[in-house]
Amino acid sequence: MSSSLIISAAIFGLILSGLIAFLFRFVSKRGNLLAGLVSIASGILGAVAAQQLLAGAYGPVLFGLSIVPMAAGVLVMMGLVYYVYIKVAKR
């Protein structure tokens, strides 16, 4: 896979995870900056991993990127990392 697709997937992950982290912080009023940054970084990794593993297999394709698997990868990775962050922070 070319590096331009990987960079495009990372940009898509950054935009989507940044939007989700902003909305979560705005709605819940309880997220801190470190949790938001870690969630955004994990969202980027989730988008890139989904693009690498499921490229063109499911859903619509926009600019050579599979949108549905990448969005699912962002949501799953952000949720998983935020859950672990909350459990570790309570100790």
Protein backbone atom coordinates (compact mmCIF):
# COMPACT_ATOMS: atom_id res chain seq x y z
CA MET A 1 0.00 0.00 0.00
CA SER A 2 1.32 3.42 -0.89
CA SER A 3 2.36 5.94 1.69
CA SER A 4 -0.15 8.49 0.37
CA LEU A 5 -3.03 6.20 1.36
CA ILE A 6 -1.53 5.73 4.81
CA ILE A 7 -1.18 9.49 5.26
CA SER A 8 -4.72 10.02 3.99
CA ALA A 9 -6.02 7.42 6.44
CA ALA A 10 -4.14 9.14 9.28
CA ILE A 11 -5.63 12.51 8.32
CA PHE A 12 -9.13 10.98 8.18
CA GLY A 13 -8.54 9.41 11.60
CA LEU A 14 -7.27 12.71 12.99
CA ILE A 15 -10.32 14.61 11.76
CA LEU A 16 -12.86 12.04 12.92
CA SER A 17 -11.25 11.32 16.28
CA GLY A 18 -10.71 15.03 16.94
CA LEU A 19 -14.37 15.70 16.23
CA ILE A 20 -15.48 12.85 18.48
CA ALA A 21 -13.13 13.90 21.31
CA PHE A 22 -14.34 17.51 21.06
CA LEU A 23 -17.99 16.48 21.13
CA PHE A 24 -17.40 14.13 24.07
CA ARG A 25 -15.63 16.84 26.03
CA PHE A 26 -18.31 19.39 25.15
CA VAL A 27 -21.24 17.14 26.05
CA SER A 28 -19.90 15.38 29.14
CA LYS A 29 -17.89 18.24 30.71
CA ARG A 30 -15.61 15.68 32.33
CA GLY A 31 -12.88 14.80 29.87
CA ASN A 32 -9.39 16.09 30.49
CA LEU A 33 -6.80 17.14 27.94
CA LEU A 34 -4.56 14.08 28.29
CA ALA A 35 -7.46 11.67 27.80
CA GLY A 36 -8.49 13.60 24.70
CA LEU A 37 -5.00 13.53 23.20
CA VAL A 38 -4.57 9.83 23.90
CA SER A 39 -8.01 9.14 22.38
CA ILE A 40 -7.14 11.13 19.26
CA ALA A 41 -3.84 9.27 18.84
CA SER A 42 -5.57 5.92 19.24
CA GLY A 43 -8.24 7.00 16.75
CA ILE A 44 -5.56 7.72 14.18
CA LEU A 45 -4.05 4.28 14.76
CA GLY A 46 -7.49 2.69 14.49
CA ALA A 47 -8.18 4.36 11.14
CA VAL A 48 -4.82 3.36 9.70
CA ALA A 49 -5.14 -0.23 10.96
CA ALA A 50 -8.63 -0.58 9.50
CA GLN A 51 -7.47 0.82 6.17
CA GLN A 52 -4.56 -1.61 6.07
CA LEU A 53 -6.59 -4.66 7.06
CA LEU A 54 -9.90 -4.04 5.25
CA ALA A 55 -8.96 -1.82 2.31
CA GLY A 56 -11.82 -1.72 -0.20
CA ALA A 57 -13.57 -4.69 1.37
CA TYR A 58 -16.60 -3.02 2.94
CA GLY A 59 -18.66 0.11 2.49
CA PRO A 60 -18.18 3.12 0.29
CA VAL A 61 -14.77 4.16 -0.95
CA LEU A 62 -13.79 7.83 -1.03
CA PHE A 63 -10.41 8.82 -2.49
CA GLY A 64 -9.30 5.21 -2.21
CA LEU A 65 -10.19 5.00 1.49
CA SER A 66 -12.78 2.61 2.93
CA ILE A 67 -14.93 4.94 5.01
CA VAL A 68 -17.00 2.49 7.09
CA PRO A 69 -14.13 0.30 8.36
CA MET A 70 -12.05 3.36 9.16
CA ALA A 71 -14.88 4.99 11.11
CA ALA A 72 -15.44 1.74 13.00
CA GLY A 73 -11.71 1.48 13.73
CA VAL A 74 -11.65 5.02 15.09
CA LEU A 75 -14.64 4.42 17.36
CA VAL A 76 -13.44 1.06 18.65
CA MET A 77 -9.89 2.20 19.38
CA MET A 78 -11.02 5.44 21.01
CA GLY A 79 -13.53 3.63 23.19
CA LEU A 80 -11.09 0.93 24.21
CA VAL A 81 -8.27 3.31 25.06
CA TYR A 82 -10.55 5.71 26.93
CA TYR A 83 -11.99 2.80 28.95
CA VAL A 84 -8.50 1.62 29.90
CA TYR A 85 -7.46 5.20 30.71
CA ILE A 86 -10.42 5.65 33.07
CA LYS A 87 -9.76 2.31 34.81
CA VAL A 88 -6.06 3.12 35.30
CA ALA A 89 -6.76 6.68 36.44
CA LYS A 90 -9.09 5.46 39.23
CA ARG A 91 -6.25 3.61 40.96
